[in-house]
Amino acid sequence: MIFGASRPRRPRNANRRERIPSRETEVPADLPPKLVPSIRQLVATGIALVHTRLALATIELEEELQRLLGACVLDVVSMLLL
């Protein structure tokens, strides 16, 4: 005997209307943000992106200047020893 076979089956659509909430009682989804705050956020993100890129470029420039200075010092030392 199959488990639960002795129990009568309920109709497939029974209580379906009770389980599915009606559209009238549903809470409306959050509305999309307004245009002006979205543009402000976009501009703020763009400014932050530019700021980050400039900071990275500054660090790269400082590292290159240190390498150049090190190479110049080694050149001077090699000329003195030559």
C-alpha atoms as a PDB file:
ATOM      1  CA  MET A   1       0.000   0.000   0.000  1.00  0.00           C
ATOM      2  CA  ILE A   2       1.295   3.453  -0.919  1.00  0.00           C
ATOM      3  CA  PHE A   3       1.757   5.883   1.953  1.00  0.00           C
ATOM      4  CA  GLY A   4      -1.281   8.140   2.214  1.00  0.00           C
ATOM      5  CA  ALA A   5      -3.269   6.221  -0.379  1.00  0.00           C
ATOM      6  CA  SER A   6      -6.115   5.525   2.023  1.00  0.00           C
ATOM      7  CA  ARG A   7      -6.733   9.244   2.436  1.00  0.00           C
ATOM      8  CA  PRO A   8      -8.999  10.822  -0.173  1.00  0.00           C
ATOM      9  CA  ARG A   9      -7.339  13.394  -2.407  1.00  0.00           C
ATOM     10  CA  ARG A  10      -8.556  16.948  -2.260  1.00  0.00           C
ATOM     11  CA  PRO A  11      -9.453  18.732  -5.471  1.00  0.00           C
ATOM     12  CA  ARG A  12      -6.555  20.486  -7.128  1.00  0.00           C
ATOM     13  CA  ASN A  13      -8.074  23.989  -7.141  1.00  0.00           C
ATOM     14  CA  ALA A  14      -9.465  23.815  -3.604  1.00  0.00           C
ATOM     15  CA  ASN A  15      -8.688  26.895  -1.529  1.00  0.00           C
ATOM     16  CA  ARG A  16      -6.563  28.298  -4.335  1.00  0.00           C
ATOM     17  CA  ARG A  17      -8.186  31.693  -4.093  1.00  0.00           C
ATOM     18  CA  GLU A  18      -7.433  31.820  -0.402  1.00  0.00           C
ATOM     19  CA  ARG A  19      -3.753  30.987  -0.893  1.00  0.00           C
ATOM     20  CA  ILE A  20      -3.092  33.522  -3.647  1.00  0.00           C
ATOM     21  CA  PRO A  21      -3.377  37.111  -2.390  1.00  0.00           C
ATOM     22  CA  SER A  22      -5.523  39.360  -4.483  1.00  0.00           C
ATOM     23  CA  ARG A  23      -3.998  42.253  -6.331  1.00  0.00           C
ATOM     24  CA  GLU A  24      -5.999  44.683  -4.249  1.00  0.00           C
ATOM     25  CA  THR A  25      -4.375  43.583  -0.978  1.00  0.00           C
ATOM     26  CA  GLU A  26      -0.822  43.385  -2.367  1.00  0.00           C
ATOM     27  CA  VAL A  27       1.605  46.054  -1.269  1.00  0.00           C
ATOM     28  CA  PRO A  28       2.785  47.976  -4.321  1.00  0.00           C
ATOM     29  CA  ALA A  29       6.435  47.511  -5.210  1.00  0.00           C
ATOM     30  CA  ASP A  30       8.836  50.299  -4.394  1.00  0.00           C
ATOM     31  CA  LEU A  31       8.605  53.035  -6.944  1.00  0.00           C
ATOM     32  CA  PRO A  32      11.737  53.797  -8.973  1.00  0.00           C
ATOM     33  CA  PRO A  33      13.824  56.674  -7.636  1.00  0.00           C
ATOM     34  CA  LYS A  34      13.208  60.171  -8.932  1.00  0.00           C
ATOM     35  CA  LEU A  35      15.259  61.496 -11.819  1.00  0.00           C
ATOM     36  CA  VAL A  36      17.142  64.263  -9.994  1.00  0.00           C
ATOM     37  CA  PRO A  37      18.472  62.046  -7.155  1.00  0.00           C
ATOM     38  CA  SER A  38      19.482  59.440  -9.736  1.00  0.00           C
ATOM     39  CA  ILE A  39      21.424  62.020 -11.723  1.00  0.00           C
ATOM     40  CA  ARG A  40      23.065  63.313  -8.534  1.00  0.00           C
ATOM     41  CA  GLN A  41      24.124  59.784  -7.619  1.00  0.00           C
ATOM     42  CA  LEU A  42      25.464  59.229 -11.135  1.00  0.00           C
ATOM     43  CA  VAL A  43      27.503  62.443 -10.988  1.00  0.00           C
ATOM     44  CA  ALA A  44      28.799  61.573  -7.509  1.00  0.00           C
ATOM     45  CA  THR A  45      29.857  58.149  -8.754  1.00  0.00           C
ATOM     46  CA  GLY A  46      31.605  59.708 -11.750  1.00  0.00           C
ATOM     47  CA  ILE A  47      33.455  62.185  -9.542  1.00  0.00           C
ATOM     48  CA  ALA A  48      34.520  59.380  -7.199  1.00  0.00           C
ATOM     49  CA  LEU A  49      35.756  57.405 -10.206  1.00  0.00           C
ATOM     50  CA  VAL A  50      37.810  60.339 -11.497  1.00  0.00           C
ATOM     51  CA  HIS A  51      39.201  60.959  -7.994  1.00  0.00           C
ATOM     52  CA  THR A  52      40.287  57.332  -7.700  1.00  0.00           C
ATOM     53  CA  ARG A  53      41.924  57.372 -11.130  1.00  0.00           C
ATOM     54  CA  LEU A  54      43.807  60.581 -10.328  1.00  0.00           C
ATOM     55  CA  ALA A  55      45.024  59.106  -7.038  1.00  0.00           C
ATOM     56  CA  LEU A  56      46.279  56.006  -8.840  1.00  0.00           C
ATOM     57  CA  ALA A  57      47.982  58.109 -11.520  1.00  0.00           C
ATOM     58  CA  THR A  58      49.707  60.184  -8.824  1.00  0.00           C
ATOM     59  CA  ILE A  59      51.018  57.066  -7.113  1.00  0.00           C
ATOM     60  CA  GLU A  60      52.283  55.685 -10.424  1.00  0.00           C
ATOM     61  CA  LEU A  61      54.031  58.989 -11.194  1.00  0.00           C
ATOM     62  CA  GLU A  62      55.722  59.025  -7.774  1.00  0.00           C
ATOM     63  CA  GLU A  63      56.950  55.450  -8.293  1.00  0.00           C
ATOM     64  CA  GLU A  64      58.335  56.302 -11.735  1.00  0.00           C
ATOM     65  CA  LEU A  65      60.137  59.350 -10.323  1.00  0.00           C
ATOM     66  CA  GLN A  66      61.702  57.175  -7.619  1.00  0.00           C
ATOM     67  CA  ARG A  67      62.867  54.668 -10.255  1.00  0.00           C
ATOM     68  CA  LEU A  68      64.303  57.478 -12.363  1.00  0.00           C
ATOM     69  CA  LEU A  69      66.118  58.930  -9.360  1.00  0.00           C
ATOM     70  CA  GLY A  70      67.504  55.494  -8.477  1.00  0.00           C
ATOM     71  CA  ALA A  71      68.687  54.991 -12.056  1.00  0.00           C
ATOM     72  CA  CYS A  72      70.375  58.427 -12.035  1.00  0.00           C
ATOM     73  CA  VAL A  73      72.159  57.633  -8.767  1.00  0.00           C
ATOM     74  CA  LEU A  74      73.375  54.317 -10.173  1.00  0.00           C
ATOM     75  CA  ASP A  75      74.575  56.080 -13.340  1.00  0.00           C
ATOM     76  CA  VAL A  76      76.544  58.637 -11.319  1.00  0.00           C
ATOM     77  CA  VAL A  77      78.079  55.918  -9.131  1.00  0.00           C
ATOM     78  CA  SER A  78      79.018  53.802 -12.184  1.00  0.00           C
ATOM     79  CA  MET A  79      80.655  56.821 -13.878  1.00  0.00           C
ATOM     80  CA  LEU A  80      82.665  57.567 -10.730  1.00  0.00           C
ATOM     81  CA  LEU A  81      83.845  53.976 -10.493  1.00  0.00           C
ATOM     82  CA  LEU A  82      84.638  53.835 -14.214  1.00  0.00           C
END
